[in-house]
Protein backbone atom coordinates (compact mmCIF):
# COMPACT_ATOMS: atom_id res chain seq x y z
CA MET A 1 31.87 31.11 31.39
CA SER A 2 33.18 30.51 35.06
CA SER A 3 34.09 26.92 36.34
CA SER A 4 30.76 26.84 38.34
CA GLN A 5 28.75 27.71 35.49
CA GLY A 6 30.40 25.08 33.40
CA ASP A 7 29.88 22.47 36.07
CA THR A 8 26.06 23.50 36.06
CA THR A 9 25.77 23.26 32.37
CA SER A 10 27.59 19.96 32.40
CA ARG A 11 25.21 18.54 35.31
CA ALA A 12 22.17 19.72 33.25
CA ILE A 13 23.16 17.83 30.17
CA GLU A 14 24.03 14.73 32.15
CA LEU A 15 20.67 14.88 33.66
CA PHE A 16 19.02 15.64 30.37
CA TRP A 17 20.67 12.36 29.04
CA HIS A 18 19.86 10.32 32.01
CA ASN A 19 16.24 11.32 31.84
CA TYR A 20 16.24 10.41 28.13
CA PHE A 21 17.65 7.09 28.65
CA SER A 22 15.13 6.42 31.46
CA VAL A 23 12.51 7.10 28.64
CA LEU A 24 14.22 4.92 26.52
CA GLU A 25 14.07 2.11 29.06
CA ARG A 26 10.53 2.49 29.77
CA SER A 27 9.81 2.16 26.22
CA ARG A 28 11.76 -0.96 26.03
CA VAL A 29 14.32 0.14 23.71
CA SER A 30 17.30 -2.34 23.95
CA VAL A 31 20.38 -1.41 25.74
CA ASP A 32 22.75 -1.99 22.54
CA VAL A 33 20.30 0.55 20.32
CA ARG A 34 20.10 3.25 23.01
CA PRO A 35 23.55 4.91 21.97
CA TYR A 36 22.23 5.33 18.50
CA TYR A 37 19.11 7.11 19.59
CA ARG A 38 21.29 9.62 21.52
CA LYS A 39 23.32 10.23 18.29
CA HIS A 40 20.12 10.97 16.42
CA ILE A 41 18.97 13.49 19.12
CA GLU A 42 22.31 14.97 19.25
CA ARG A 43 22.31 15.68 15.49
CA TYR A 44 18.68 16.97 15.78
CA ILE A 45 19.72 19.46 18.58
CA ASN A 46 22.80 20.51 16.63
CA ALA A 47 20.62 21.36 13.65
CA HIS A 48 18.68 23.86 15.79
CA ARG A 49 21.33 25.55 17.80
CA GLY A 50 19.95 28.39 19.92
CA LEU A 51 16.44 27.15 20.10
CA LYS A 52 15.49 25.43 23.18
CA LEU A 53 13.54 22.00 22.83
CA ALA A 54 10.74 23.33 24.77
CA ASP A 55 10.13 25.97 22.21
CA HIS A 56 10.12 23.59 19.27
CA LEU A 57 6.99 23.28 16.97
CA PRO A 58 5.89 20.61 14.49
CA ALA A 59 7.25 22.68 11.74
CA GLN A 60 10.93 22.23 12.93
CA VAL A 61 10.19 18.32 13.31
CA ASN A 62 8.58 18.18 9.83
CA ARG A 63 11.43 20.23 8.15
CA TYR A 64 14.08 18.21 9.98
CA LEU A 65 12.70 14.86 8.96
CA THR A 66 11.80 16.06 5.50
CA GLU A 67 15.55 16.94 5.03
CA ARG A 68 16.62 13.62 6.41
CA GLY A 69 14.40 11.70 4.37
CA ARG A 70 16.13 13.18 1.35
CA ASP A 71 19.26 11.12 2.11
CA THR A 72 19.18 8.16 -0.05
CA TYR A 73 22.00 6.50 1.76
CA LEU A 74 19.98 6.48 4.90
CA LYS A 75 18.42 2.87 5.10
CA GLU A 76 14.81 2.38 5.92
CA TRP A 77 15.22 1.15 9.41
CA GLN A 78 17.47 4.05 10.16
CA PHE A 79 15.03 6.72 9.23
CA ARG A 80 12.35 4.93 11.21
CA GLN A 81 14.73 4.76 13.99
CA ILE A 82 15.29 8.58 13.79
CA VAL A 83 11.51 9.09 14.07
CA ASP A 84 11.21 6.95 17.04
CA ALA A 85 14.16 8.68 18.92
CA LEU A 86 12.26 12.10 18.14
CA ARG A 87 8.92 10.64 19.25
CA LEU A 88 10.29 9.44 22.61
CA LEU A 89 12.31 12.91 23.07
CA PHE A 90 9.10 14.96 22.50
CA CYS A 91 6.35 12.70 24.00
CA GLY A 92 8.18 11.12 26.78
CA LEU A 93 10.58 13.82 27.97
CA VAL A 94 9.99 17.38 26.60
CA SER A 95 6.15 16.89 26.38
CA PRO A 96 5.13 20.00 24.44
CA ASP A 97 1.20 20.37 23.84
CA TRP A 98 1.51 19.18 20.16
CA ALA A 99 3.59 16.30 20.76
CA ALA A 100 0.83 13.62 21.38
CA SER A 101 -1.27 14.70 18.39
CA PHE A 102 1.75 14.84 16.01
CA ASP A 103 1.42 12.34 13.14
CA TRP A 104 4.40 10.36 14.07
CA LEU A 105 2.78 7.36 12.11
CA ALA A 106 2.98 9.14 8.94
CA TRP A 107 6.84 9.69 9.27
CA LYS A 108 7.55 6.37 10.81
CA VAL A 109 5.36 4.06 8.77
CA TYR A 110 4.99 5.77 5.43
CA ALA A 111 8.80 5.77 5.05
CA ARG A 112 8.69 2.46 3.61
CA THR A 113 9.93 2.42 0.23
CA LEU A 114 8.81 0.30 -2.76
CA ALA A 115 10.75 -2.79 -3.47
CA ALA A 116 11.87 -3.63 -7.03
CA ASP A 117 9.13 -6.13 -7.51
CA HIS A 118 6.29 -3.94 -6.27
CA VAL A 119 3.61 -3.67 -8.83
CA THR A 120 4.14 0.05 -9.48
CA LEU A 121 7.84 -0.59 -10.54
CA SER A 122 7.88 -4.36 -11.54
CA ARG A 123 7.73 -3.77 -15.42
CA ASP A 124 10.45 -1.08 -15.49
CA ALA A 125 13.37 -3.43 -15.09
CA ARG A 126 16.96 -2.47 -15.95
CA PRO A 127 17.98 -2.55 -19.68
CA GLY A 128 18.36 -6.09 -20.68
CA GLU A 129 15.99 -7.43 -17.86
CA LEU A 130 12.64 -8.31 -18.78
CA ALA A 131 11.38 -8.99 -15.20
CA ALA A 132 11.98 -7.29 -12.00
CA PRO A 133 14.23 -9.06 -9.58
CA THR A 134 12.70 -11.09 -6.89
CA HIS A 135 13.17 -12.34 -3.42
CA ASN A 136 11.05 -15.38 -4.21
CA VAL A 137 13.45 -18.43 -4.47
CA LEU A 138 11.10 -20.64 -6.33
CA VAL A 139 10.23 -17.68 -8.87
CA THR A 140 13.84 -17.15 -9.38
CA ARG A 141 14.45 -20.81 -10.00
CA LEU A 142 11.49 -20.75 -12.48
CA ARG A 143 13.01 -18.04 -14.75
CA LYS A 144 16.19 -19.89 -15.03
CA HIS A 145 14.22 -23.31 -15.52
CA LEU A 146 12.06 -21.69 -18.27
CA ALA A 147 14.85 -19.92 -19.99
CA ASP A 148 13.45 -18.67 -23.23
CA HIS A 149 9.98 -19.79 -22.58
CA HIS A 150 9.79 -17.32 -19.53
CA ALA A 151 10.63 -14.46 -21.96
CA ALA A 152 7.82 -15.55 -24.23
CA PHE A 153 5.42 -15.93 -21.46
CA VAL A 154 6.19 -12.25 -20.26
CA THR A 155 6.00 -10.72 -23.46
CA THR A 156 2.67 -12.53 -24.25
CA LEU A 157 1.10 -11.22 -20.92
CA ARG A 158 2.34 -7.66 -21.74
CA VAL A 159 1.34 -7.40 -25.38
CA ARG A 160 -2.35 -8.36 -24.22
CA HIS A 161 -2.14 -5.60 -21.43
CA MET A 162 -2.72 -7.86 -18.65
CA ALA A 163 -2.02 -6.46 -15.20
CA GLU A 164 1.16 -6.52 -13.26
CA ARG A 165 -0.34 -8.29 -10.41
CA THR A 166 -1.60 -10.89 -12.96
CA GLU A 167 1.82 -11.51 -14.05
CA GLN A 168 3.23 -11.98 -10.50
CA THR A 169 0.49 -14.24 -9.57
CA TYR A 170 0.88 -16.42 -12.75
CA GLU A 171 4.61 -16.62 -12.01
CA HIS A 172 3.91 -17.81 -8.62
CA TRP A 173 1.65 -20.78 -9.52
CA LEU A 174 3.97 -21.74 -12.49
CA ALA A 175 6.76 -21.79 -9.99
CA ARG A 176 4.66 -23.99 -7.45
CA PHE A 177 3.57 -26.26 -10.36
CA PHE A 178 7.20 -26.91 -11.53
CA ALA A 179 8.36 -27.47 -7.93
CA PHE A 180 5.61 -29.94 -7.36
CA LEU A 181 6.88 -31.87 -10.24
CA ASP A 182 10.43 -31.48 -9.30
CA TRP A 183 11.27 -29.25 -12.21
CA PRO A 184 10.96 -31.58 -15.32
CA PRO A 185 11.70 -30.03 -18.75
CA VAL A 186 8.68 -28.01 -20.02
CA GLU A 187 8.47 -30.24 -23.10
CA ARG A 188 7.79 -33.41 -20.90
CA VAL A 189 4.82 -32.00 -19.07
CA GLU A 190 1.57 -33.74 -19.93
CA THR A 191 -2.22 -32.82 -19.21
CA ARG A 192 -2.17 -35.44 -16.59
CA ASP A 193 0.71 -33.67 -14.50
CA ILE A 194 -1.33 -30.54 -14.76
CA THR A 195 -4.52 -32.50 -13.35
CA ARG A 196 -2.49 -34.04 -10.75
CA PHE A 197 -1.25 -30.61 -9.36
CA LEU A 198 -4.72 -29.05 -9.64
CA GLU A 199 -6.11 -32.05 -7.83
CA HIS A 200 -3.38 -31.80 -5.21
CA LEU A 201 -4.33 -28.19 -4.54
CA ALA A 202 -8.03 -29.15 -3.97
CA VAL A 203 -7.49 -32.47 -1.93
CA HIS A 204 -4.48 -32.06 -0.08
CA ARG A 205 -3.87 -28.34 0.19
CA ARG A 206 -7.63 -27.76 0.49
CA VAL A 207 -7.45 -24.54 -1.47
CA ALA A 208 -10.52 -22.32 -2.30
CA ALA A 209 -12.08 -22.89 -5.67
CA ALA A 210 -11.06 -19.15 -6.79
CA THR A 211 -7.47 -20.24 -5.99
CA GLN A 212 -7.47 -23.45 -7.93
CA HIS A 213 -9.00 -21.54 -10.71
CA ILE A 214 -6.13 -19.06 -10.69
CA ALA A 215 -3.56 -21.76 -10.83
CA MET A 216 -5.28 -23.38 -13.65
CA ASN A 217 -5.47 -20.16 -15.51
CA ALA A 218 -1.79 -19.68 -15.22
CA LEU A 219 -1.11 -23.10 -16.50
CA VAL A 220 -3.44 -22.66 -19.32
CA PHE A 221 -1.97 -19.53 -20.38
CA LEU A 222 1.48 -20.83 -20.53
CA PHE A 223 1.04 -24.04 -22.33
CA ARG A 224 -1.88 -23.06 -24.63
CA GLU A 225 -1.20 -19.27 -25.23
CA VAL A 226 2.56 -19.32 -24.98
CA LEU A 227 3.75 -22.61 -26.09
CA GLY A 228 0.73 -23.67 -28.34
CA LYS A 229 0.20 -26.91 -26.55
CA ASP A 230 -3.57 -27.61 -26.44
CA LEU A 231 -4.84 -28.79 -23.07
CA GLU A 232 -8.23 -30.82 -22.52
CA PHE A 233 -8.89 -31.25 -18.98
CA GLY A 234 -12.60 -32.12 -19.24
CA GLY A 235 -13.78 -33.42 -15.65
CA SER A 236 -10.42 -35.34 -15.24
CA PHE A 237 -9.69 -33.68 -11.92
CA SER A 238 -11.18 -32.81 -8.50
CA ARG A 239 -12.26 -29.22 -8.34
CA ALA A 240 -12.22 -27.34 -5.18
CA ALA A 241 -16.00 -26.62 -3.98
CA ALA A 242 -17.15 -23.23 -5.18
CA LYS A 243 -18.36 -21.01 -2.38
CA ARG A 244 -20.41 -17.91 -2.82
CA LYS A 245 -18.86 -15.37 -0.48
CA ILE A 246 -20.93 -12.55 0.85
CA PRO A 247 -18.69 -9.60 1.45
CA VAL A 248 -18.15 -8.08 5.10
CA VAL A 249 -20.04 -4.73 5.11
CA LEU A 250 -19.86 -2.32 8.10
CA THR A 251 -22.86 -0.22 9.10
CA GLN A 252 -22.67 3.61 8.85
CA ASP A 253 -22.10 3.76 12.76
CA GLU A 254 -19.29 1.27 12.44
CA VAL A 255 -17.59 3.09 9.72
CA ARG A 256 -17.80 6.21 11.77
CA ILE A 257 -16.32 4.37 14.86
CA LEU A 258 -13.60 3.03 12.64
CA LEU A 259 -12.68 6.28 11.33
CA GLN A 260 -12.46 7.96 14.77
CA GLN A 261 -9.56 5.52 15.60
CA LEU A 262 -7.52 7.01 12.70
CA ASP A 263 -5.82 10.26 12.51
CA GLY A 264 -3.37 12.22 9.94
CA ARG A 265 -3.02 11.05 6.60
CA THR A 266 -4.41 7.37 7.45
CA LEU A 267 -7.68 8.82 8.23
CA LEU A 268 -7.71 11.00 5.04
CA MET A 269 -6.94 7.98 2.96
CA ALA A 270 -9.50 5.73 4.82
CA SER A 271 -12.02 8.45 4.32
CA LEU A 272 -11.48 8.80 0.77
CA MET A 273 -11.83 4.84 0.30
CA TYR A 274 -15.00 4.93 1.97
CA GLY A 275 -16.29 7.91 0.24
CA THR A 276 -15.37 7.07 -3.27
CA GLY A 277 -15.16 3.14 -3.39
CA MET A 278 -11.58 3.22 -4.36
CA ARG A 279 -9.34 0.08 -4.20
CA VAL A 280 -6.36 0.34 -1.88
CA MET A 281 -3.77 0.68 -4.86
CA GLU A 282 -5.99 3.19 -6.76
CA CYS A 283 -5.89 5.44 -3.38
CA VAL A 284 -2.36 5.40 -3.00
CA ARG A 285 -1.51 6.04 -6.51
CA LEU A 286 -3.60 9.20 -6.89
CA ARG A 287 -1.89 12.16 -8.54
CA VAL A 288 -2.37 15.74 -7.67
CA GLN A 289 -4.16 16.21 -11.04
CA ASP A 290 -6.53 13.50 -10.43
CA ILE A 291 -8.47 15.56 -7.94
CA ASP A 292 -10.78 18.04 -9.62
CA PHE A 293 -12.27 20.43 -7.18
CA GLY A 294 -14.13 22.31 -9.74
CA TYR A 295 -16.15 19.40 -10.99
CA LYS A 296 -16.09 17.66 -7.60
CA GLN A 297 -14.78 14.53 -8.66
CA ILE A 298 -11.76 12.16 -8.67
CA THR A 299 -10.37 10.51 -11.75
CA VAL A 300 -9.13 6.99 -11.09
CA ARG A 301 -6.48 6.10 -13.37
CA ARG A 302 -5.53 2.63 -14.39
CA GLY A 303 -7.93 0.72 -12.25
CA LYS A 304 -8.53 -2.99 -12.40
CA GLY A 305 -8.43 -3.93 -16.08
CA ASP A 306 -6.41 -0.77 -16.93
CA LYS A 307 -9.55 1.31 -17.03
CA ASP A 308 -10.18 4.71 -16.10
CA ARG A 309 -13.25 5.90 -14.36
CA VAL A 310 -14.68 8.97 -12.40
CA VAL A 311 -15.74 9.01 -8.70
CA PRO A 312 -17.30 11.49 -6.49
CA LEU A 313 -15.28 13.89 -4.60
CA PRO A 314 -16.67 13.69 -0.82
CA MET A 315 -17.29 17.29 0.02
CA LYS A 316 -16.56 16.86 3.65
CA LEU A 317 -12.88 16.15 2.79
CA VAL A 318 -12.29 19.18 0.58
CA PRO A 319 -10.73 21.31 3.39
CA GLN A 320 -8.52 18.45 4.71
CA LEU A 321 -7.43 17.82 0.98
CA HIS A 322 -6.65 21.38 0.38
CA GLU A 323 -4.43 21.48 3.50
CA HIS A 324 -2.80 18.24 2.70
CA LEU A 325 -1.99 19.27 -0.72
CA ALA A 326 -0.53 22.56 0.57
CA ASP A 327 1.88 20.29 2.51
CA ILE A 328 2.72 18.31 -0.36
CA LYS A 329 3.60 21.35 -2.38
CA LEU A 330 6.01 22.50 0.15
CA MET A 331 7.65 19.14 0.38
CA HIS A 332 7.79 18.97 -3.51
CA ASP A 333 9.28 22.55 -3.45
CA GLY A 334 11.99 21.42 -0.99
CA ASP A 335 12.75 18.39 -3.19
CA LEU A 336 13.22 20.61 -6.41
CA ALA A 337 15.38 22.91 -4.37
CA SER A 338 17.45 19.92 -3.43
CA GLY A 339 17.91 18.87 -7.08
CA PHE A 340 15.13 16.00 -6.89
CA GLY A 341 11.25 16.24 -7.49
CA ALA A 342 10.96 14.18 -10.50
CA ALA A 343 7.76 11.98 -10.27
CA TYR A 344 7.69 8.32 -11.22
CA LEU A 345 5.95 7.89 -14.65
CA PRO A 346 5.72 4.72 -16.75
CA PRO A 347 8.51 4.90 -19.61
CA ALA A 348 6.01 5.82 -22.35
CA LEU A 349 4.32 8.66 -20.36
CA ALA A 350 7.85 9.96 -19.28
CA ARG A 351 9.10 10.05 -23.10
CA LYS A 352 5.78 11.75 -23.98
CA TYR A 353 5.70 14.59 -21.41
CA GLY A 354 9.27 15.12 -20.70
CA ASN A 355 10.04 17.71 -18.14
CA ALA A 356 6.46 17.46 -17.01
CA VAL A 357 7.74 14.82 -14.32
CA HIS A 358 8.79 17.83 -12.22
CA ALA A 359 5.41 19.35 -12.17
CA LEU A 360 3.30 19.16 -8.97
CA ALA A 361 0.26 17.90 -11.05
CA TRP A 362 2.21 14.58 -11.50
CA GLN A 363 3.17 14.05 -7.90
CA TYR A 364 1.55 11.55 -5.77
CA VAL A 365 -1.26 12.77 -3.35
CA PHE A 366 0.13 10.44 -0.75
CA PRO A 367 4.01 10.42 -1.33
CA ALA A 368 6.44 8.35 0.81
CA MET A 369 8.02 10.49 3.66
CA ARG A 370 11.39 9.92 2.22
CA LEU A 371 13.10 9.55 -1.17
CA SER A 372 14.42 6.31 -2.65
CA VAL A 373 16.70 5.28 -5.52
CA ASP A 374 14.60 3.92 -8.42
CA TYR A 375 16.40 0.73 -9.12
CA ALA A 376 15.52 0.64 -12.79
CA SER A 377 17.02 4.27 -13.78
CA GLY A 378 19.14 5.03 -10.94
CA GLU A 379 17.26 8.20 -10.22
CA THR A 380 16.20 9.28 -6.95
CA ARG A 381 12.33 9.80 -6.59
CA ARG A 382 9.64 10.17 -4.09
CA HIS A 383 7.18 7.13 -4.67
CA HIS A 384 3.74 6.88 -3.29
CA ILE A 385 3.45 5.18 0.28
CA HIS A 386 3.52 1.36 0.51
CA GLU A 387 -0.32 0.21 0.52
CA SER A 388 0.38 -2.18 3.26
CA THR A 389 0.85 0.71 5.86
CA LEU A 390 -2.70 1.62 5.26
CA GLN A 391 -3.89 -1.76 5.08
CA LYS A 392 -2.45 -2.34 8.60
CA ALA A 393 -3.53 0.82 10.15
CA ILE A 394 -7.22 0.06 9.29
CA ARG A 395 -6.97 -3.54 10.61
CA GLU A 396 -5.44 -2.04 13.96
CA ALA A 397 -8.20 0.70 14.06
CA ALA A 398 -10.96 -2.03 13.94
CA ARG A 399 -9.49 -3.89 16.62
CA ARG A 400 -9.17 -0.69 18.83
CA ALA A 401 -12.86 0.07 17.70
CA GLY A 402 -14.01 -3.43 19.03
CA ILE A 403 -15.55 -4.20 15.67
CA ASP A 404 -15.98 -8.00 15.81
CA LYS A 405 -15.74 -8.38 11.85
CA ARG A 406 -12.95 -9.24 9.69
CA VAL A 407 -12.17 -5.60 8.61
CA THR A 408 -9.73 -4.82 5.69
CA SER A 409 -9.15 -1.83 3.57
CA HIS A 410 -11.34 -3.51 0.86
CA THR A 411 -14.15 -3.55 3.48
CA LEU A 412 -14.49 0.17 3.13
CA ARG A 413 -15.02 -0.42 -0.71
CA HIS A 414 -17.66 -2.92 0.10
CA SER A 415 -19.56 -0.58 2.65
CA PHE A 416 -19.36 2.16 0.14
CA ALA A 417 -21.45 0.13 -2.37
CA THR A 418 -23.60 -1.37 0.03
CA HIS A 419 -24.48 1.97 1.70
CA LEU A 420 -25.28 3.42 -1.88
CA LEU A 421 -27.71 0.56 -2.67
CA GLN A 422 -29.44 1.18 0.79
CA SER A 423 -29.83 4.80 0.06
CA GLY A 424 -31.66 3.91 -3.44
CA LYS A 425 -28.94 4.53 -5.98
CA ASP A 426 -29.51 2.51 -9.25
CA ILE A 427 -27.04 -0.48 -9.22
CA ARG A 428 -25.88 0.21 -12.74
CA VAL A 429 -24.65 3.51 -11.45
CA ILE A 430 -22.74 1.66 -8.67
CA GLN A 431 -21.36 -0.73 -11.03
CA GLU A 432 -19.88 2.34 -12.90
CA LEU A 433 -18.54 3.86 -9.82
CA LEU A 434 -16.79 0.59 -8.67
CA GLY A 435 -15.48 -0.06 -12.09
CA HIS A 436 -16.95 -3.44 -12.44
CA ALA A 437 -17.13 -5.06 -15.96
CA ASP A 438 -19.95 -7.32 -15.04
CA LEU A 439 -23.07 -6.25 -13.29
CA ALA A 440 -23.11 -9.69 -11.71
CA THR A 441 -20.09 -8.68 -9.82
CA THR A 442 -21.99 -5.74 -8.23
CA MET A 443 -25.07 -7.76 -7.46
CA ILE A 444 -23.27 -9.26 -4.60
CA TYR A 445 -24.16 -6.16 -2.66
CA THR A 446 -27.86 -6.64 -2.87
CA HIS A 447 -27.61 -9.17 -0.08
CA VAL A 448 -27.91 -6.39 2.26
CA LEU A 449 -31.35 -5.44 0.97
CA LYS A 450 -32.66 -8.87 2.11
CA LYS A 451 -32.49 -7.90 5.95
CA GLY A 452 -32.79 -11.02 8.25
CA GLY A 453 -31.76 -13.55 5.59
CA LEU A 454 -33.79 -13.41 2.30
CA GLY A 455 -36.34 -11.00 3.93
CA VAL A 456 -37.86 -13.60 6.11
CA GLU A 457 -38.86 -12.98 9.74
CA SER A 458 -37.70 -15.39 12.21
CA PRO A 459 -40.43 -17.58 13.65
CA LEU A 460 -38.95 -16.98 17.09
CA ASP A 461 -39.79 -13.15 16.71
CA ALA A 462 -43.46 -14.19 16.42
CA LEU A 463 -43.91 -15.86 19.69
């Protein structure tokens, strides 16, 4: 290469980085972080030597991020930074046709790993540990304060097959209770201490009736079921006023507008939730084998109350699901080739099925976009995505859609049930689809049939 050619190349490289840093500046990336963005791009370019950036396709980006996502030494924030660096490169500088519609969100947001105390992992503690580590200072102190009583509390919960979320909620309220009393020995706690705490919640904290009731359940469980200490409350404390809550429901037009604000995997997941009535954790925990295209149904495993049920497979989503599962297979094949690919299974199932953990059938339908180390076993796995990513995406979509209702991921489940009722489906069928143990729970959706408030015409409309 001649000297002039070398100078031209150097100027071109210098101009490229100048333009990229200008993109970073417009995107308000801090000055201190910009050198790291440059290193990420340099590594990406070096991995694709001989291929001009203008000729890159989504396949190159997907392949590169998949490979980087298998690096378990890479912290979560570092992986998100890599995704952001590539997004700004292609969307802000190179600008190929595909960049704007590429699912950057899936890579950046679905990279969040599951913490040790996440409900999926919380009961698979390290040998010698009964409960998962926690970042909650009060819960940590509670475990030390109760000592042997805490082990009996957790054991009793699990023998009775109570949900992971119930265990965490009860621990939270027990910690709040003992902190309220300034951590007295459990043997000195009396009924009046409990009534004083419950009254404090209702009068001073002004909690909802359901919240006060959950706190009471946690205390009753510990003292009556674990410690064998009978408690008689009677009417000795102020109860929070019970409220009959009517669920927020979207019209079918609002659901359509909401879904139009989503794309990629988020759109697929939100559509599944509305089309099946699944809860958010039921959706993120779906396994490949749970989708039955032949019988046009989805099996929901370990729903609320540890029950299985069957829900309809929306036929509109079949093409997208086939395409999505093909991508999951490619990702899984790559994991296997790299020495990974074992799915997470509860210990009893893992012992029963052995090598089946490597089968595609046991992989999550919505896996995280990067691998993580399972704190319990030390194995590297690809868990399901964190549910908060979907919840945040739906809330943001509702804001963009201009829907002036309190929309959450659970709103899609409410809308599923209500729209089925409106179409004339039997309420007991809807009860079965939702997995409700009591028909009274399903009856809350009948409110929509009483249009205009109990079906009464406003007198103003008669004028």
